[in-house]
PDB file of N, CA and C in Angstrom:
ATOM      1  N   MET A   1       8.121  14.813  11.456  1.00  0.00           N
ATOM      2  CA  MET A   1       7.972  14.797   9.894  1.00  0.00           C
ATOM      3  C   MET A   1       7.234  16.468   9.648  1.00  0.00           C
ATOM      4  N   ASN A   2       7.314  16.672   8.179  1.00  0.00           N
ATOM      5  CA  ASN A   2       7.058  17.557   6.929  1.00  0.00           C
ATOM      6  C   ASN A   2       5.227  17.254   6.753  1.00  0.00           C
ATOM      7  N   GLU A   3       4.943  18.370   6.225  1.00  0.00           N
ATOM      8  CA  GLU A   3       4.162  18.358   5.502  1.00  0.00           C
ATOM      9  C   GLU A   3       3.934  17.595   4.533  1.00  0.00           C
ATOM     10  N   MET A   4       4.925  17.322   3.695  1.00  0.00           N
ATOM     11  CA  MET A   4       5.018  16.686   2.307  1.00  0.00           C
ATOM     12  C   MET A   4       4.810  14.610   3.065  1.00  0.00           C
ATOM     13  N   ALA A   5       5.459  14.614   4.180  1.00  0.00           N
ATOM     14  CA  ALA A   5       5.235  13.259   4.916  1.00  0.00           C
ATOM     15  C   ALA A   5       4.325  12.641   4.918  1.00  0.00           C
ATOM     16  N   ALA A   6       3.354  13.820   5.543  1.00  0.00           N
ATOM     17  CA  ALA A   6       1.955  13.467   5.984  1.00  0.00           C
ATOM     18  C   ALA A   6       0.595  13.342   4.450  1.00  0.00           C
ATOM     19  N   VAL A   7       1.106  14.003   3.371  1.00  0.00           N
ATOM     20  CA  VAL A   7       0.264  13.913   2.026  1.00  0.00           C
ATOM     21  C   VAL A   7       1.330  12.452   1.350  1.00  0.00           C
ATOM     22  N   GLN A   8       2.119  12.131   1.809  1.00  0.00           N
ATOM     23  CA  GLN A   8       2.882  11.068   1.164  1.00  0.00           C
ATOM     24  C   GLN A   8       2.217   9.479   1.636  1.00  0.00           C
ATOM     25  N   ILE A   9       1.923   9.975   2.759  1.00  0.00           N
ATOM     26  CA  ILE A   9       1.479   8.224   3.545  1.00  0.00           C
ATOM     27  C   ILE A   9      -0.480   8.654   3.184  1.00  0.00           C
ATOM     28  N   VAL A  10      -0.909  10.137   3.201  1.00  0.00           N
ATOM     29  CA  VAL A  10      -2.609   9.809   3.371  1.00  0.00           C
ATOM     30  C   VAL A  10      -1.966   8.996   1.345  1.00  0.00           C
ATOM     31  N   ALA A  11      -1.576   9.542   0.231  1.00  0.00           N
ATOM     32  CA  ALA A  11      -1.648   9.105  -0.433  1.00  0.00           C
ATOM     33  C   ALA A  11      -1.177   7.325  -1.066  1.00  0.00           C
ATOM     34  N   LEU A  12      -0.225   7.062   0.057  1.00  0.00           N
ATOM     35  CA  LEU A  12      -0.285   5.373  -0.207  1.00  0.00           C
ATOM     36  C   LEU A  12      -1.594   4.374   0.692  1.00  0.00           C
ATOM     37  N   LEU A  13      -1.940   5.357   2.017  1.00  0.00           N
ATOM     38  CA  LEU A  13      -3.102   4.363   2.333  1.00  0.00           C
ATOM     39  C   LEU A  13      -4.228   4.972   0.865  1.00  0.00           C
ATOM     40  N   GLY A  14      -4.609   6.082   0.600  1.00  0.00           N
ATOM     41  CA  GLY A  14      -5.340   5.877  -0.740  1.00  0.00           C
ATOM     42  C   GLY A  14      -5.679   5.084  -1.991  1.00  0.00           C
ATOM     43  N   TRP A  15      -3.856   4.297  -2.359  1.00  0.00           N
ATOM     44  CA  TRP A  15      -3.788   3.957  -2.804  1.00  0.00           C
ATOM     45  C   TRP A  15      -4.054   2.051  -2.462  1.00  0.00           C
ATOM     46  N   LEU A  16      -3.524   2.113  -1.255  1.00  0.00           N
ATOM     47  CA  LEU A  16      -3.937   0.386  -0.345  1.00  0.00           C
ATOM     48  C   LEU A  16      -5.710   0.200  -0.699  1.00  0.00           C
ATOM     49  N   ILE A  17      -5.906   1.229  -0.696  1.00  0.00           N
ATOM     50  CA  ILE A  17      -8.066   1.105  -0.181  1.00  0.00           C
ATOM     51  C   ILE A  17      -8.046   0.810  -1.610  1.00  0.00           C
ATOM     52  N   LEU A  18      -7.631   1.474  -2.908  1.00  0.00           N
ATOM     53  CA  LEU A  18      -8.102   1.407  -3.987  1.00  0.00           C
ATOM     54  C   LEU A  18      -7.226  -0.068  -4.038  1.00  0.00           C
ATOM     55  N   ALA A  19      -6.232  -0.473  -3.665  1.00  0.00           N
ATOM     56  CA  ALA A  19      -5.798  -1.715  -4.280  1.00  0.00           C
ATOM     57  C   ALA A  19      -7.041  -2.593  -3.659  1.00  0.00           C
ATOM     58  N   GLY A  20      -6.965  -3.064  -2.830  1.00  0.00           N
ATOM     59  CA  GLY A  20      -7.684  -3.557  -1.641  1.00  0.00           C
ATOM     60  C   GLY A  20      -9.498  -3.745  -2.378  1.00  0.00           C
ATOM     61  N   SER A  21     -10.158  -2.349  -2.495  1.00  0.00           N
ATOM     62  CA  SER A  21     -11.236  -2.552  -2.787  1.00  0.00           C
ATOM     63  C   SER A  21     -11.120  -3.234  -4.356  1.00  0.00           C
ATOM     64  N   ALA A  22     -10.058  -3.152  -5.391  1.00  0.00           N
ATOM     65  CA  ALA A  22     -10.061  -3.540  -6.650  1.00  0.00           C
ATOM     66  C   ALA A  22      -9.857  -5.175  -6.213  1.00  0.00           C
ATOM     67  N   LEU A  23      -9.145  -5.633  -4.798  1.00  0.00           N
ATOM     68  CA  LEU A  23      -9.414  -6.787  -4.664  1.00  0.00           C
ATOM     69  C   LEU A  23     -10.175  -7.548  -4.451  1.00  0.00           C
ATOM     70  N   ALA A  24     -11.417  -7.250  -3.382  1.00  0.00           N
ATOM     71  CA  ALA A  24     -12.253  -7.844  -2.886  1.00  0.00           C
ATOM     72  C   ALA A  24     -13.631  -7.681  -4.036  1.00  0.00           C
ATOM     73  N   SER A  25     -13.281  -7.319  -4.959  1.00  0.00           N
ATOM     74  CA  SER A  25     -14.405  -6.906  -6.667  1.00  0.00           C
ATOM     75  C   SER A  25     -14.162  -8.749  -7.129  1.00  0.00           C
ATOM     76  N   TYR A  26     -12.839  -9.084  -6.853  1.00  0.00           N
ATOM     77  CA  TYR A  26     -12.883 -10.431  -7.228  1.00  0.00           C
ATOM     78  C   TYR A  26     -13.974 -11.745  -6.388  1.00  0.00           C
ATOM     79  N   ARG A  27     -14.518 -11.584  -5.161  1.00  0.00           N
ATOM     80  CA  ARG A  27     -14.512 -12.410  -4.628  1.00  0.00           C
ATOM     81  C   ARG A  27     -13.667 -13.467  -4.269  1.00  0.00           C
ATOM     82  N   LEU A  28     -12.698 -13.796  -4.070  1.00  0.00           N
ATOM     83  CA  LEU A  28     -11.889 -14.339  -3.233  1.00  0.00           C
ATOM     84  C   LEU A  28     -12.362 -15.194  -2.382  1.00  0.00           C
ATOM     85  N   LYS A  29     -11.552 -16.743  -2.367  1.00  0.00           N
ATOM     86  CA  LYS A  29     -11.549 -17.004  -0.340  1.00  0.00           C
ATOM     87  C   LYS A  29     -11.023 -16.479  -0.575  1.00  0.00           C
ATOM     88  N   TRP A  30     -11.526 -16.444   1.357  1.00  0.00           N
ATOM     89  CA  TRP A  30     -10.307 -16.168   2.714  1.00  0.00           C
ATOM     90  C   TRP A  30      -9.207 -16.126   2.252  1.00  0.00           C
ATOM     91  N   LYS A  31      -8.539 -17.221   2.224  1.00  0.00           N
ATOM     92  CA  LYS A  31      -7.258 -17.794   2.377  1.00  0.00           C
ATOM     93  C   LYS A  31      -5.978 -17.289   1.319  1.00  0.00           C
ATOM     94  N   SER A  32      -7.015 -16.851   0.331  1.00  0.00           N
ATOM     95  CA  SER A  32      -6.047 -16.396  -1.343  1.00  0.00           C
ATOM     96  C   SER A  32      -6.508 -14.541  -0.634  1.00  0.00           C
ATOM     97  N   SER A  33      -7.446 -14.293  -0.456  1.00  0.00           N
ATOM     98  CA  SER A  33      -8.141 -13.014  -0.163  1.00  0.00           C
ATOM     99  C   SER A  33      -6.570 -12.255   0.459  1.00  0.00           C
ATOM    100  N   VAL A  34      -5.957 -12.666   1.465  1.00  0.00           N
ATOM    101  CA  VAL A  34      -5.418 -12.414   2.652  1.00  0.00           C
ATOM    102  C   VAL A  34      -4.353 -12.528   1.751  1.00  0.00           C
ATOM    103  N   LYS A  35      -3.692 -14.017   1.319  1.00  0.00           N
ATOM    104  CA  LYS A  35      -2.279 -13.533   0.580  1.00  0.00           C
ATOM    105  C   LYS A  35      -2.260 -12.565  -0.256  1.00  0.00           C
ATOM    106  N   MET A  36      -3.194 -12.522  -0.946  1.00  0.00           N
ATOM    107  CA  MET A  36      -3.052 -11.614  -2.263  1.00  0.00           C
ATOM    108  C   MET A  36      -2.938 -10.095  -1.360  1.00  0.00           C
ATOM    109  N   ALA A  37      -4.054  -9.632  -0.217  1.00  0.00           N
ATOM    110  CA  ALA A  37      -3.502  -9.051   0.463  1.00  0.00           C
ATOM    111  C   ALA A  37      -2.002  -8.736   0.764  1.00  0.00           C
ATOM    112  N   LEU A  38      -1.730  -8.835   1.796  1.00  0.00           N
ATOM    113  CA  LEU A  38      -0.570  -9.756   2.163  1.00  0.00           C
ATOM    114  C   LEU A  38       0.339  -9.339   1.011  1.00  0.00           C
ATOM    115  N   VAL A  39       0.768  -9.823   0.115  1.00  0.00           N
ATOM    116  CA  VAL A  39       1.388  -9.094  -1.504  1.00  0.00           C
ATOM    117  C   VAL A  39       0.822  -7.892  -1.988  1.00  0.00           C
ATOM    118  N   TRP A  40       0.260  -6.893  -1.604  1.00  0.00           N
ATOM    119  CA  TRP A  40      -0.128  -6.006  -1.457  1.00  0.00           C
ATOM    120  C   TRP A  40       0.243  -4.934  -0.743  1.00  0.00           C
ATOM    121  N   ALA A  41       0.679  -5.713  -0.005  1.00  0.00           N
ATOM    122  CA  ALA A  41       1.013  -4.882   1.767  1.00  0.00           C
ATOM    123  C   ALA A  41       2.159  -4.685   1.349  1.00  0.00           C
ATOM    124  N   ALA A  42       3.326  -5.957   0.944  1.00  0.00           N
ATOM    125  CA  ALA A  42       4.911  -5.605   0.989  1.00  0.00           C
ATOM    126  C   ALA A  42       4.840  -4.530  -0.994  1.00  0.00           C
ATOM    127  N   ILE A  43       4.616  -4.729  -1.563  1.00  0.00           N
ATOM    128  CA  ILE A  43       4.136  -4.184  -2.531  1.00  0.00           C
ATOM    129  C   ILE A  43       4.247  -2.723  -2.222  1.00  0.00           C
ATOM    130  N   PHE A  44       3.319  -1.959  -1.879  1.00  0.00           N
ATOM    131  CA  PHE A  44       3.270  -0.678  -1.177  1.00  0.00           C
ATOM    132  C   PHE A  44       4.685  -0.504   0.120  1.00  0.00           C
ATOM    133  N   THR A  45       5.056  -0.703   0.682  1.00  0.00           N
ATOM    134  CA  THR A  45       5.668  -1.013   1.499  1.00  0.00           C
ATOM    135  C   THR A  45       7.177  -0.548   1.089  1.00  0.00           C
ATOM    136  N   ALA A  46       7.231  -1.758   0.412  1.00  0.00           N
ATOM    137  CA  ALA A  46       9.407  -1.575  -0.324  1.00  0.00           C
ATOM    138  C   ALA A  46       9.002  -0.562  -1.261  1.00  0.00           C
ATOM    139  N   VAL A  47       7.459   0.195  -1.802  1.00  0.00           N
ATOM    140  CA  VAL A  47       7.564   1.358  -2.844  1.00  0.00           C
ATOM    141  C   VAL A  47       8.000   2.660  -1.862  1.00  0.00           C
ATOM    142  N   PHE A  48       7.133   2.179  -0.796  1.00  0.00           N
ATOM    143  CA  PHE A  48       7.218   3.506   0.104  1.00  0.00           C
ATOM    144  C   PHE A  48       8.828   3.807   0.827  1.00  0.00           C
ATOM    145  N   LEU A  49       9.433   3.068   1.003  1.00  0.00           N
ATOM    146  CA  LEU A  49      10.685   2.442   1.435  1.00  0.00           C
ATOM    147  C   LEU A  49      12.140   3.323   0.713  1.00  0.00           C
ATOM    148  N   PHE A  50      11.454   2.411  -0.955  1.00  0.00           N
ATOM    149  CA  PHE A  50      12.547   2.862  -1.411  1.00  0.00           C
ATOM    150  C   PHE A  50      12.295   4.041  -1.684  1.00  0.00           C
ATOM    151  N   PHE A  51      11.205   5.012  -1.691  1.00  0.00           N
ATOM    152  CA  PHE A  51      11.355   6.779  -2.253  1.00  0.00           C
ATOM    153  C   PHE A  51      11.244   6.901  -0.909  1.00  0.00           C
ATOM    154  N   SER A  52      10.833   6.595   0.180  1.00  0.00           N
ATOM    155  CA  SER A  52      11.558   6.773   1.628  1.00  0.00           C
ATOM    156  C   SER A  52      13.973   7.173   1.753  1.00  0.00           C
ATOM    157  N   LEU A  53      14.428   6.029   1.132  1.00  0.00           N
ATOM    158  CA  LEU A  53      15.605   6.048   0.660  1.00  0.00           C
ATOM    159  C   LEU A  53      16.335   6.992  -0.578  1.00  0.00           C
ATOM    160  N   VAL A  54      15.117   7.155  -1.646  1.00  0.00           N
ATOM    161  CA  VAL A  54      16.006   7.884  -2.380  1.00  0.00           C
ATOM    162  C   VAL A  54      15.637   9.640  -2.006  1.00  0.00           C
ATOM    163  N   SER A  55      15.165   9.946  -0.774  1.00  0.00           N
ATOM    164  CA  SER A  55      14.747  11.177  -0.584  1.00  0.00           C
ATOM    165  C   SER A  55      15.597  11.144   0.284  1.00  0.00           C
ATOM    166  N   GLY A  56      16.368  10.776   0.911  1.00  0.00           N
ATOM    167  CA  GLY A  56      17.255  10.982   1.931  1.00  0.00           C
ATOM    168  C   GLY A  56      17.009  11.450   3.172  1.00  0.00           C
ATOM    169  N   GLU A  57      15.579  10.862   3.582  1.00  0.00           N
ATOM    170  CA  GLU A  57      14.905  11.341   5.003  1.00  0.00           C
ATOM    171  C   GLU A  57      15.021  10.575   5.928  1.00  0.00           C
TER     172      GLU A  57
END
């Protein structure tokens, strides 16, 4: 893992925390919150995998 990959992981975690805090501000029920959190996790994972494939690493 090089320095750029570490920066990318930290940035993605930051975005995930930001999305989680935005989700928490809606004060949804637990079932809805878990479902939305899984959707956001899938979105960020897909973006991470896309950029990993594009960069060729």
